[in-house]
Amino acid sequence: MDSRQILDIRVNTATYESAVAKVMHWAAAGRSSYVCLANVNTVMEARTSREYQVVMRQADLVTSDGMPLVWLLRWLGVVDATRVYGPDLMPLILAASEQQGIAVGFYGGTDSSLAKLVSAVARRFPNLKLPYAYAPPFRQLTSEEDQSVVRAISDAGVRILFVGIGGPLQDHWMHAHRGRIPSVMLGVGAAFDFLAGMKPQAPRWMQQSGLEWLFRLCVEPGRLWRRYLLRNPHFAILALAFLVRTRYHEHRRPA
């Protein structure tokens, strides 16, 4: 799949259709792989962490989860670039898994939110195979606990594992478990809470205009103010400098 380099991370030029097709192909083959959904916070985290850059670089697929990345892809010549947003991608993969009889699992959330997610998904996809759902504690697992998780996922026959423990933690977790869990892992972040009805989603017009951050900031100011009020302006400056450098190098190329 084609890609573009945006600051310190690679972003694939995926669409919903191509992302779903790729995930289902890997799942059917029993391939251990992971998918990261990149946004402004992802890019800014990679600026400050070499370790996280490696995590993103080694991902099997990196989608443009945030509209600013979609706009940058278009500027870089991907005229049909589109957002591949976790809360929209997840139901599409669930529908395809139900149709193809592929077992899925959930890793993340709390006991109460996960129960609501499982119930909501069961109502929407009654024939879906969902043999595994686990809400891990809010701490690093011991080696024994982690081995138990790996064994449980493998024994359940899960081929697609949705990971909702928040970024960048979920990306590090998937990277650490590639090759250990025979599943396609997708870091879908807040999709668990949205699909479970635990948190409201921004109106579609705000999502499409790049203003979803403002809606989420109003809903969760205490948790998200640093991400949006500090990182967003910094990203805007870096993105502008990136575009200027890119255009400058394009003009200097020999005809």
C-alpha atoms as a PDB file:
ATOM      1  CA  MET A   1       0.000   0.000   0.000  1.00  0.00           C
ATOM      2  CA  ASP A   2       1.324   3.425  -0.943  1.00  0.00           C
ATOM      3  CA  SER A   3       2.366   5.832   1.806  1.00  0.00           C
ATOM      4  CA  ARG A   4       3.730   9.294   2.532  1.00  0.00           C
ATOM      5  CA  GLN A   5       6.167  10.472   5.189  1.00  0.00           C
ATOM      6  CA  ILE A   6       4.578  13.141   7.408  1.00  0.00           C
ATOM      7  CA  LEU A   7       7.139  14.621   9.795  1.00  0.00           C
ATOM      8  CA  ASP A   8       8.385  11.592  11.761  1.00  0.00           C
ATOM      9  CA  ILE A   9       5.845   8.931  10.797  1.00  0.00           C
ATOM     10  CA  ARG A  10       4.750   7.024   7.714  1.00  0.00           C
ATOM     11  CA  VAL A  11       1.058   7.277   6.834  1.00  0.00           C
ATOM     12  CA  ASN A  12      -0.464   4.851   4.338  1.00  0.00           C
ATOM     13  CA  THR A  13      -2.841   6.161   1.704  1.00  0.00           C
ATOM     14  CA  ALA A  14      -5.582   3.798   2.814  1.00  0.00           C
ATOM     15  CA  THR A  15      -9.334   4.085   2.388  1.00  0.00           C
ATOM     16  CA  TYR A  16     -11.953   2.336   4.495  1.00  0.00           C
ATOM     17  CA  GLU A  17     -12.368  -0.259   1.762  1.00  0.00           C
ATOM     18  CA  SER A  18      -8.662  -0.987   1.356  1.00  0.00           C
ATOM     19  CA  ALA A  19      -8.052  -1.032   5.126  1.00  0.00           C
ATOM     20  CA  VAL A  20     -10.889  -3.504   5.716  1.00  0.00           C
ATOM     21  CA  ALA A  21      -9.702  -5.693   2.825  1.00  0.00           C
ATOM     22  CA  LYS A  22      -6.144  -5.730   4.155  1.00  0.00           C
ATOM     23  CA  VAL A  23      -7.201  -6.569   7.723  1.00  0.00           C
ATOM     24  CA  MET A  24      -9.517  -9.358   6.603  1.00  0.00           C
ATOM     25  CA  HIS A  25      -6.829 -10.834   4.347  1.00  0.00           C
ATOM     26  CA  TRP A  26      -4.302 -10.891   7.193  1.00  0.00           C
ATOM     27  CA  ALA A  27      -6.878 -12.311   9.608  1.00  0.00           C
ATOM     28  CA  ALA A  28      -7.831 -15.134   7.261  1.00  0.00           C
ATOM     29  CA  ALA A  29      -4.137 -15.994   6.909  1.00  0.00           C
ATOM     30  CA  GLY A  30      -3.649 -16.001  10.694  1.00  0.00           C
ATOM     31  CA  ARG A  31      -1.026 -13.282  10.420  1.00  0.00           C
ATOM     32  CA  SER A  32       0.211 -11.533  13.560  1.00  0.00           C
ATOM     33  CA  SER A  33       0.232  -7.827  12.675  1.00  0.00           C
ATOM     34  CA  TYR A  34      -0.860  -4.453  13.977  1.00  0.00           C
ATOM     35  CA  VAL A  35      -2.618  -1.369  12.669  1.00  0.00           C
ATOM     36  CA  CYS A  36      -2.071   2.125  14.070  1.00  0.00           C
ATOM     37  CA  LEU A  37      -4.549   4.940  13.542  1.00  0.00           C
ATOM     38  CA  ALA A  38      -2.500   8.119  13.321  1.00  0.00           C
ATOM     39  CA  ASN A  39      -3.583  11.617  14.327  1.00  0.00           C
ATOM     40  CA  VAL A  40      -1.992  14.857  15.515  1.00  0.00           C
ATOM     41  CA  ASN A  41      -1.236  13.405  18.934  1.00  0.00           C
ATOM     42  CA  THR A  42       0.503  10.441  17.283  1.00  0.00           C
ATOM     43  CA  VAL A  43       2.739  12.722  15.234  1.00  0.00           C
ATOM     44  CA  MET A  44       3.628  14.863  18.233  1.00  0.00           C
ATOM     45  CA  GLU A  45       4.397  11.838  20.379  1.00  0.00           C
ATOM     46  CA  ALA A  46       6.749  10.548  17.702  1.00  0.00           C
ATOM     47  CA  ARG A  47       8.562  13.900  17.777  1.00  0.00           C
ATOM     48  CA  THR A  48       9.584  13.338  21.391  1.00  0.00           C
ATOM     49  CA  SER A  49      10.088   9.564  21.506  1.00  0.00           C
ATOM     50  CA  ARG A  50      12.498   7.582  19.352  1.00  0.00           C
ATOM     51  CA  GLU A  51      10.978   4.403  20.745  1.00  0.00           C
ATOM     52  CA  TYR A  52       7.545   5.446  19.542  1.00  0.00           C
ATOM     53  CA  GLN A  53       8.937   6.294  16.115  1.00  0.00           C
ATOM     54  CA  VAL A  54      10.107   2.684  15.864  1.00  0.00           C
ATOM     55  CA  VAL A  55       6.658   1.442  16.917  1.00  0.00           C
ATOM     56  CA  MET A  56       4.985   3.501  14.184  1.00  0.00           C
ATOM     57  CA  ARG A  57       7.625   2.671  11.573  1.00  0.00           C
ATOM     58  CA  GLN A  58       7.211  -1.073  12.096  1.00  0.00           C
ATOM     59  CA  ALA A  59       3.397  -1.034  12.012  1.00  0.00           C
ATOM     60  CA  ASP A  60       1.898  -3.106   9.210  1.00  0.00           C
ATOM     61  CA  LEU A  61      -0.590  -0.351   8.414  1.00  0.00           C
ATOM     62  CA  VAL A  62      -0.869   3.291   9.540  1.00  0.00           C
ATOM     63  CA  THR A  63      -4.114   5.037   8.655  1.00  0.00           C
ATOM     64  CA  SER A  64      -4.998   8.745   8.622  1.00  0.00           C
ATOM     65  CA  ASP A  65      -7.331   8.874  11.624  1.00  0.00           C
ATOM     66  CA  GLY A  66      -7.194  12.692  11.928  1.00  0.00           C
ATOM     67  CA  MET A  67      -8.310  15.249   9.353  1.00  0.00           C
ATOM     68  CA  PRO A  68      -5.060  17.291   9.525  1.00  0.00           C
ATOM     69  CA  LEU A  69      -3.205  14.217   8.259  1.00  0.00           C
ATOM     70  CA  VAL A  70      -5.753  13.822   5.464  1.00  0.00           C
ATOM     71  CA  TRP A  71      -5.144  17.434   4.422  1.00  0.00           C
ATOM     72  CA  LEU A  72      -1.372  16.877   4.439  1.00  0.00           C
ATOM     73  CA  LEU A  73      -1.737  13.715   2.345  1.00  0.00           C
ATOM     74  CA  ARG A  74      -3.731  15.683  -0.212  1.00  0.00           C
ATOM     75  CA  TRP A  75      -1.085  18.397  -0.250  1.00  0.00           C
ATOM     76  CA  LEU A  76       1.497  15.684  -0.911  1.00  0.00           C
ATOM     77  CA  GLY A  77      -0.371  14.560  -4.009  1.00  0.00           C
ATOM     78  CA  VAL A  78      -2.822  11.960  -2.701  1.00  0.00           C
ATOM     79  CA  VAL A  79      -5.845  13.701  -4.199  1.00  0.00           C
ATOM     80  CA  ASP A  80      -8.340  11.075  -3.020  1.00  0.00           C
ATOM     81  CA  ALA A  81      -6.968  10.837   0.529  1.00  0.00           C
ATOM     82  CA  THR A  82      -9.689  10.194   3.063  1.00  0.00           C
ATOM     83  CA  ARG A  83      -9.984   9.802   6.788  1.00  0.00           C
ATOM     84  CA  VAL A  84      -9.891   6.259   8.178  1.00  0.00           C
ATOM     85  CA  TYR A  85     -11.376   6.891  11.604  1.00  0.00           C
ATOM     86  CA  GLY A  86     -11.346   4.234  14.327  1.00  0.00           C
ATOM     87  CA  PRO A  87     -15.006   4.472  15.428  1.00  0.00           C
ATOM     88  CA  ASP A  88     -16.091   4.139  11.773  1.00  0.00           C
ATOM     89  CA  LEU A  89     -13.524   1.505  10.792  1.00  0.00           C
ATOM     90  CA  MET A  90     -14.325  -0.781  13.696  1.00  0.00           C
ATOM     91  CA  PRO A  91     -17.996  -1.461  12.735  1.00  0.00           C
ATOM     92  CA  LEU A  92     -16.965  -2.112   9.130  1.00  0.00           C
ATOM     93  CA  ILE A  93     -14.480  -4.757  10.251  1.00  0.00           C
ATOM     94  CA  LEU A  94     -17.010  -6.241  12.662  1.00  0.00           C
ATOM     95  CA  ALA A  95     -19.522  -6.532   9.825  1.00  0.00           C
ATOM     96  CA  ALA A  96     -16.966  -8.194   7.559  1.00  0.00           C
ATOM     97  CA  SER A  97     -15.922 -10.549  10.374  1.00  0.00           C
ATOM     98  CA  GLU A  98     -19.524 -11.553  10.981  1.00  0.00           C
ATOM     99  CA  GLN A  99     -19.995 -12.256   7.288  1.00  0.00           C
ATOM    100  CA  GLN A 100     -16.768 -14.271   6.968  1.00  0.00           C
ATOM    101  CA  GLY A 101     -17.049 -16.103  10.292  1.00  0.00           C
ATOM    102  CA  ILE A 102     -13.813 -14.667  11.704  1.00  0.00           C
ATOM    103  CA  ALA A 103     -13.542 -14.452  15.500  1.00  0.00           C
ATOM    104  CA  VAL A 104     -12.799 -11.085  17.069  1.00  0.00           C
ATOM    105  CA  GLY A 105     -11.814  -9.974  20.554  1.00  0.00           C
ATOM    106  CA  PHE A 106     -11.698  -6.802  22.665  1.00  0.00           C
ATOM    107  CA  TYR A 107      -8.837  -5.740  24.920  1.00  0.00           C
ATOM    108  CA  GLY A 108      -9.343  -2.534  26.904  1.00  0.00           C
ATOM    109  CA  GLY A 109     -11.849  -0.350  28.678  1.00  0.00           C
ATOM    110  CA  THR A 110     -13.243  -1.007  32.142  1.00  0.00           C
ATOM    111  CA  ASP A 111     -15.395  -3.923  33.268  1.00  0.00           C
ATOM    112  CA  SER A 112     -18.563  -1.815  33.009  1.00  0.00           C
ATOM    113  CA  SER A 113     -17.746  -0.146  29.689  1.00  0.00           C
ATOM    114  CA  LEU A 114     -16.590  -3.414  28.149  1.00  0.00           C
ATOM    115  CA  ALA A 115     -19.816  -5.143  29.184  1.00  0.00           C
ATOM    116  CA  LYS A 116     -21.797  -2.367  27.487  1.00  0.00           C
ATOM    117  CA  LEU A 117     -19.622  -2.605  24.384  1.00  0.00           C
ATOM    118  CA  VAL A 118     -20.084  -6.373  24.129  1.00  0.00           C
ATOM    119  CA  SER A 119     -23.849  -5.970  24.571  1.00  0.00           C
ATOM    120  CA  ALA A 120     -24.067  -3.208  21.939  1.00  0.00           C
ATOM    121  CA  VAL A 121     -21.988  -5.182  19.440  1.00  0.00           C
ATOM    122  CA  ALA A 122     -24.017  -8.362  20.044  1.00  0.00           C
ATOM    123  CA  ARG A 123     -27.237  -6.488  19.255  1.00  0.00           C
ATOM    124  CA  ARG A 124     -25.803  -4.961  16.098  1.00  0.00           C
ATOM    125  CA  PHE A 125     -23.966  -8.077  14.875  1.00  0.00           C
ATOM    126  CA  PRO A 126     -25.901 -11.058  16.292  1.00  0.00           C
ATOM    127  CA  ASN A 127     -23.908 -13.688  14.374  1.00  0.00           C
ATOM    128  CA  LEU A 128     -20.494 -12.296  15.192  1.00  0.00           C
ATOM    129  CA  LYS A 129     -18.018 -14.652  16.878  1.00  0.00           C
ATOM    130  CA  LEU A 130     -16.808 -12.788  19.991  1.00  0.00           C
ATOM    131  CA  PRO A 131     -15.035 -15.319  22.225  1.00  0.00           C
ATOM    132  CA  TYR A 132     -12.749 -12.900  24.078  1.00  0.00           C
ATOM    133  CA  ALA A 133     -13.186  -9.590  25.919  1.00  0.00           C
ATOM    134  CA  TYR A 134     -10.917  -8.384  28.696  1.00  0.00           C
ATOM    135  CA  ALA A 135     -10.568  -5.102  30.574  1.00  0.00           C
ATOM    136  CA  PRO A 136      -6.972  -5.022  31.873  1.00  0.00           C
ATOM    137  CA  PRO A 137      -6.068  -3.199  35.095  1.00  0.00           C
ATOM    138  CA  PHE A 138      -4.777   0.364  34.857  1.00  0.00           C
ATOM    139  CA  ARG A 139      -1.176  -0.668  35.438  1.00  0.00           C
ATOM    140  CA  GLN A 140       1.496  -2.666  33.702  1.00  0.00           C
ATOM    141  CA  LEU A 141       0.735  -6.367  33.771  1.00  0.00           C
ATOM    142  CA  THR A 142       3.157  -8.735  35.423  1.00  0.00           C
ATOM    143  CA  SER A 143       4.958 -11.205  33.191  1.00  0.00           C
ATOM    144  CA  GLU A 144       2.663 -13.974  34.392  1.00  0.00           C
ATOM    145  CA  GLU A 145      -0.467 -11.889  33.776  1.00  0.00           C
ATOM    146  CA  ASP A 146       0.719 -10.954  30.300  1.00  0.00           C
ATOM    147  CA  GLN A 147       1.437 -14.572  29.421  1.00  0.00           C
ATOM    148  CA  SER A 148      -2.048 -15.472  30.623  1.00  0.00           C
ATOM    149  CA  VAL A 149      -3.556 -12.818  28.332  1.00  0.00           C
ATOM    150  CA  VAL A 150      -1.565 -14.056  25.341  1.00  0.00           C
ATOM    151  CA  ARG A 151      -2.606 -17.644  26.031  1.00  0.00           C
ATOM    152  CA  ALA A 152      -6.279 -16.716  26.472  1.00  0.00           C
ATOM    153  CA  ILE A 153      -6.412 -14.778  23.203  1.00  0.00           C
ATOM    154  CA  SER A 154      -4.716 -17.605  21.317  1.00  0.00           C
ATOM    155  CA  ASP A 155      -6.891 -20.302  22.903  1.00  0.00           C
ATOM    156  CA  ALA A 156     -10.045 -18.339  22.019  1.00  0.00           C
ATOM    157  CA  GLY A 157      -9.123 -18.417  18.341  1.00  0.00           C
ATOM    158  CA  VAL A 158      -9.248 -14.636  18.008  1.00  0.00           C
ATOM    159  CA  ARG A 159      -8.045 -13.481  14.592  1.00  0.00           C
ATOM    160  CA  ILE A 160      -8.856  -9.766  14.949  1.00  0.00           C
ATOM    161  CA  LEU A 161      -8.181  -8.039  18.267  1.00  0.00           C
ATOM    162  CA  PHE A 162      -9.413  -4.508  18.896  1.00  0.00           C
ATOM    163  CA  VAL A 163      -7.198  -2.750  21.438  1.00  0.00           C
ATOM    164  CA  GLY A 164      -8.694   0.208  23.286  1.00  0.00           C
ATOM    165  CA  ILE A 165      -6.273   1.270  26.009  1.00  0.00           C
ATOM    166  CA  GLY A 166      -5.527   4.732  24.621  1.00  0.00           C
ATOM    167  CA  GLY A 167      -2.663   6.030  22.555  1.00  0.00           C
ATOM    168  CA  PRO A 168       0.271   5.805  22.475  1.00  0.00           C
ATOM    169  CA  LEU A 169       0.062   2.984  25.043  1.00  0.00           C
ATOM    170  CA  GLN A 170      -2.002   0.767  22.759  1.00  0.00           C
ATOM    171  CA  ASP A 171       0.507   1.144  19.927  1.00  0.00           C
ATOM    172  CA  HIS A 172       3.379   0.129  22.209  1.00  0.00           C
ATOM    173  CA  TRP A 173       1.292  -2.827  23.438  1.00  0.00           C
ATOM    174  CA  MET A 174       0.550  -4.053  19.930  1.00  0.00           C
ATOM    175  CA  HIS A 175       4.173  -3.693  18.884  1.00  0.00           C
ATOM    176  CA  ALA A 176       5.282  -5.727  21.902  1.00  0.00           C
ATOM    177  CA  HIS A 177       2.772  -8.498  21.115  1.00  0.00           C
ATOM    178  CA  ARG A 178       3.265  -8.886  17.386  1.00  0.00           C
ATOM    179  CA  GLY A 179       4.537 -12.393  16.826  1.00  0.00           C
ATOM    180  CA  ARG A 180       3.134 -13.510  20.183  1.00  0.00           C
ATOM    181  CA  ILE A 181      -0.579 -13.168  19.401  1.00  0.00           C
ATOM    182  CA  PRO A 182      -1.830 -14.727  16.128  1.00  0.00           C
ATOM    183  CA  SER A 183      -4.206 -11.841  15.452  1.00  0.00           C
ATOM    184  CA  VAL A 184      -4.479  -8.616  13.540  1.00  0.00           C
ATOM    185  CA  MET A 185      -4.409  -5.985  16.293  1.00  0.00           C
ATOM    186  CA  LEU A 186      -6.025  -2.593  15.774  1.00  0.00           C
ATOM    187  CA  GLY A 187      -5.510   0.311  18.179  1.00  0.00           C
ATOM    188  CA  VAL A 188      -8.905   1.984  18.068  1.00  0.00           C
ATOM    189  CA  GLY A 189      -8.664   4.215  21.141  1.00  0.00           C
ATOM    190  CA  ALA A 190     -11.932   5.906  22.083  1.00  0.00           C
ATOM    191  CA  ALA A 191     -13.972   3.729  19.705  1.00  0.00           C
ATOM    192  CA  PHE A 192     -14.807   1.412  22.616  1.00  0.00           C
ATOM    193  CA  ASP A 193     -16.477   4.204  24.575  1.00  0.00           C
ATOM    194  CA  PHE A 194     -18.238   5.625  21.524  1.00  0.00           C
ATOM    195  CA  LEU A 195     -19.680   2.304  20.344  1.00  0.00           C
ATOM    196  CA  ALA A 196     -20.662   1.371  23.905  1.00  0.00           C
ATOM    197  CA  GLY A 197     -22.542   4.662  24.273  1.00  0.00           C
ATOM    198  CA  MET A 198     -20.305   5.741  27.168  1.00  0.00           C
ATOM    199  CA  LYS A 199     -19.216   9.014  25.529  1.00  0.00           C
ATOM    200  CA  PRO A 200     -20.853  11.234  22.897  1.00  0.00           C
ATOM    201  CA  GLN A 201     -19.309  11.621  19.460  1.00  0.00           C
ATOM    202  CA  ALA A 202     -18.814  14.929  17.723  1.00  0.00           C
ATOM    203  CA  PRO A 203     -21.381  15.793  15.035  1.00  0.00           C
ATOM    204  CA  ARG A 204     -20.366  14.578  11.598  1.00  0.00           C
ATOM    205  CA  TRP A 205     -19.799  18.128  10.327  1.00  0.00           C
ATOM    206  CA  MET A 206     -17.278  18.760  13.102  1.00  0.00           C
ATOM    207  CA  GLN A 207     -15.490  15.504  12.309  1.00  0.00           C
ATOM    208  CA  GLN A 208     -15.240  16.372   8.617  1.00  0.00           C
ATOM    209  CA  SER A 209     -14.098  19.960   9.205  1.00  0.00           C
ATOM    210  CA  GLY A 210     -11.318  19.042  11.614  1.00  0.00           C
ATOM    211  CA  LEU A 211     -13.107  20.406  14.684  1.00  0.00           C
ATOM    212  CA  GLU A 212     -13.677  17.149  16.502  1.00  0.00           C
ATOM    213  CA  TRP A 213     -10.881  18.112  18.903  1.00  0.00           C
ATOM    214  CA  LEU A 214     -12.925  21.101  20.084  1.00  0.00           C
ATOM    215  CA  PHE A 215     -15.950  18.917  20.825  1.00  0.00           C
ATOM    216  CA  ARG A 216     -13.861  16.383  22.738  1.00  0.00           C
ATOM    217  CA  LEU A 217     -12.092  19.146  24.653  1.00  0.00           C
ATOM    218  CA  CYS A 218     -15.467  20.501  25.808  1.00  0.00           C
ATOM    219  CA  VAL A 219     -16.575  17.008  26.874  1.00  0.00           C
ATOM    220  CA  GLU A 220     -13.320  16.054  28.662  1.00  0.00           C
ATOM    221  CA  PRO A 221     -11.361  19.246  29.393  1.00  0.00           C
ATOM    222  CA  GLY A 222      -9.456  17.867  32.381  1.00  0.00           C
ATOM    223  CA  ARG A 223      -8.076  14.909  30.474  1.00  0.00           C
ATOM    224  CA  LEU A 224      -7.525  16.414  27.031  1.00  0.00           C
ATOM    225  CA  TRP A 225      -6.544  20.068  27.514  1.00  0.00           C
ATOM    226  CA  ARG A 226      -2.824  19.395  27.323  1.00  0.00           C
ATOM    227  CA  ARG A 227      -3.151  17.309  24.165  1.00  0.00           C
ATOM    228  CA  TYR A 228      -5.222  19.849  22.271  1.00  0.00           C
ATOM    229  CA  LEU A 229      -4.242  23.260  23.633  1.00  0.00           C
ATOM    230  CA  LEU A 230      -0.496  22.606  23.708  1.00  0.00           C
ATOM    231  CA  ARG A 231       0.111  20.039  20.992  1.00  0.00           C
ATOM    232  CA  ASN A 232      -2.279  21.276  18.306  1.00  0.00           C
ATOM    233  CA  PRO A 233      -0.660  24.727  17.878  1.00  0.00           C
ATOM    234  CA  HIS A 234       2.806  23.146  17.893  1.00  0.00           C
ATOM    235  CA  PHE A 235       1.697  20.678  15.235  1.00  0.00           C
ATOM    236  CA  ALA A 236       0.300  23.504  13.080  1.00  0.00           C
ATOM    237  CA  ILE A 237       3.684  25.268  13.123  1.00  0.00           C
ATOM    238  CA  LEU A 238       5.570  22.060  12.302  1.00  0.00           C
ATOM    239  CA  ALA A 239       3.114  21.148   9.539  1.00  0.00           C
ATOM    240  CA  LEU A 240       3.454  24.578   7.927  1.00  0.00           C
ATOM    241  CA  ALA A 241       7.256  24.331   8.009  1.00  0.00           C
ATOM    242  CA  PHE A 242       7.016  20.812   6.561  1.00  0.00           C
ATOM    243  CA  LEU A 243       4.857  22.013   3.682  1.00  0.00           C
ATOM    244  CA  VAL A 244       7.177  24.944   2.950  1.00  0.00           C
ATOM    245  CA  ARG A 245      10.217  22.632   2.870  1.00  0.00           C
ATOM    246  CA  THR A 246       8.390  20.166   0.640  1.00  0.00           C
ATOM    247  CA  ARG A 247       7.348  22.850  -1.832  1.00  0.00           C
ATOM    248  CA  TYR A 248      10.861  24.336  -1.811  1.00  0.00           C
ATOM    249  CA  HIS A 249      12.466  20.994  -2.675  1.00  0.00           C
ATOM    250  CA  GLU A 250       9.893  20.411  -5.422  1.00  0.00           C
ATOM    251  CA  HIS A 251      10.817  23.733  -7.067  1.00  0.00           C
ATOM    252  CA  ARG A 252      14.543  22.908  -6.869  1.00  0.00           C
ATOM    253  CA  ARG A 253      14.178  19.605  -8.694  1.00  0.00           C
ATOM    254  CA  PRO A 254      15.516  19.718 -12.257  1.00  0.00           C
ATOM    255  CA  ALA A 255      12.827  19.799 -14.915  1.00  0.00           C
END
